[in-house]
């Protein structure tokens, strides 16, 4: 009977050691996942990269539109400047 009790105790001890090792490994995995989820710098970098991509595309489109409409904008600006100069009595030389 004493031998049976020692075998049972040894089996239980081995089982507890195994469960403890599994629990430690699970805790380590959970901690690793939590650290990754709470890595604010990595989240910020990823978010900034996505905003930069969108901004880059938007700037490329706006640059193309500006180049397309540059002659029209130049003509409008020239006309407005000439109208303002005509209303004020002509150009004034600030050095006189």
Protein backbone atom coordinates (compact mmCIF):
# COMPACT_ATOMS: atom_id res chain seq x y z
CA UNK A 1 0.00 0.00 0.00
CA UNK A 2 2.87 2.39 0.75
CA UNK A 3 4.34 1.69 -2.67
CA UNK A 4 1.01 2.53 -4.36
CA UNK A 5 0.83 5.80 -2.41
CA UNK A 6 4.36 6.76 -3.52
CA UNK A 7 3.56 6.00 -7.17
CA UNK A 8 0.37 8.07 -6.96
CA UNK A 9 2.26 10.94 -5.34
CA UNK A 10 4.98 10.78 -8.01
CA UNK A 11 2.38 10.73 -10.78
CA UNK A 12 0.54 13.67 -9.21
CA UNK A 13 3.80 15.58 -8.78
CA UNK A 14 4.72 14.99 -12.45
CA UNK A 15 1.22 16.06 -13.47
CA UNK A 16 1.46 19.27 -11.45
CA UNK A 17 4.91 20.04 -12.89
CA UNK A 18 3.52 19.52 -16.38
CA UNK A 19 0.53 21.78 -15.71
CA UNK A 20 2.82 24.42 -14.24
CA UNK A 21 5.07 24.33 -17.32
CA UNK A 22 2.02 24.61 -19.59
CA UNK A 23 0.66 27.53 -17.53
CA UNK A 24 3.99 29.34 -17.69
CA UNK A 25 4.16 28.89 -21.46
CA UNK A 26 0.58 30.13 -21.85
CA UNK A 27 1.33 33.14 -19.66
CA UNK A 28 4.41 33.93 -21.75
CA UNK A 29 2.33 33.77 -24.96
CA UNK A 30 -0.36 35.99 -23.49
CA UNK A 31 2.22 38.49 -22.26
CA UNK A 32 3.85 38.56 -25.69
CA UNK A 33 0.47 39.16 -27.37
CA UNK A 34 -0.39 41.90 -24.86
CA UNK A 35 2.94 43.64 -25.46
CA UNK A 36 2.34 43.57 -29.21
CA UNK A 37 -1.20 44.92 -28.79
CA UNK A 38 0.01 47.72 -26.52
CA UNK A 39 3.04 48.68 -28.60
CA UNK A 40 1.89 52.25 -29.17
CA UNK A 41 4.97 53.26 -31.10
CA UNK A 42 4.45 50.51 -33.66
CA UNK A 43 0.77 51.43 -33.93
CA UNK A 44 1.70 55.08 -34.43
CA UNK A 45 4.29 54.25 -37.08
CA UNK A 46 1.81 52.05 -38.97
CA UNK A 47 -0.89 54.72 -38.77
CA UNK A 48 1.53 57.41 -39.95
CA UNK A 49 2.64 55.25 -42.86
CA UNK A 50 -0.98 54.81 -44.00
CA UNK A 51 -1.65 58.60 -43.64
CA UNK A 52 1.58 59.33 -45.57
CA UNK A 53 0.51 57.04 -48.42
CA UNK A 54 -2.87 58.75 -48.66
CA UNK A 55 -1.30 62.19 -48.42
CA UNK A 56 1.25 61.30 -51.09
CA UNK A 57 -1.48 60.19 -53.47
CA UNK A 58 -3.51 63.32 -52.75
CA UNK A 59 -0.49 65.58 -53.30
CA UNK A 60 0.30 63.84 -56.59
CA UNK A 61 -3.26 64.39 -57.80
CA UNK A 62 -3.27 68.03 -56.69
CA UNK A 63 0.11 68.61 -58.36
CA UNK A 64 -1.17 67.17 -61.63
CA UNK A 65 -4.31 69.31 -61.45
CA UNK A 66 -2.26 72.42 -60.70
CA UNK A 67 -0.01 71.76 -63.70
CA UNK A 68 -3.10 71.21 -65.85
CA UNK A 69 -4.78 74.44 -64.77
CA UNK A 70 -1.64 76.59 -64.39
CA UNK A 71 -2.19 78.58 -67.64
CA UNK A 72 -5.76 79.37 -66.61
CA UNK A 73 -4.71 80.37 -63.10
CA UNK A 74 -1.90 82.55 -64.46
CA UNK A 75 -4.29 84.31 -66.84
CA UNK A 76 -6.82 84.93 -64.07
CA UNK A 77 -4.16 86.25 -61.70
CA UNK A 78 -2.71 88.52 -64.38
CA UNK A 79 -6.16 89.91 -65.20
CA UNK A 80 -6.97 90.58 -61.53
CA UNK A 81 -3.61 92.29 -60.96
CA UNK A 82 -4.15 94.49 -64.02
CA UNK A 83 -7.68 95.39 -62.84
CA UNK A 84 -6.35 96.34 -59.39
CA UNK A 85 -3.57 98.40 -60.96
CA UNK A 86 -6.04 100.20 -63.22
CA UNK A 87 -8.33 101.03 -60.27
CA UNK A 88 -5.47 102.42 -58.19
CA UNK A 89 -4.25 104.70 -60.96
CA UNK A 90 -1.38 102.62 -62.26
CA UNK A 91 1.73 101.16 -60.81
CA UNK A 92 3.57 103.16 -58.21
CA UNK A 93 7.29 102.98 -57.91
CA UNK A 94 8.03 102.57 -54.19
CA UNK A 95 11.57 103.94 -54.67
CA UNK A 96 10.40 107.46 -55.68
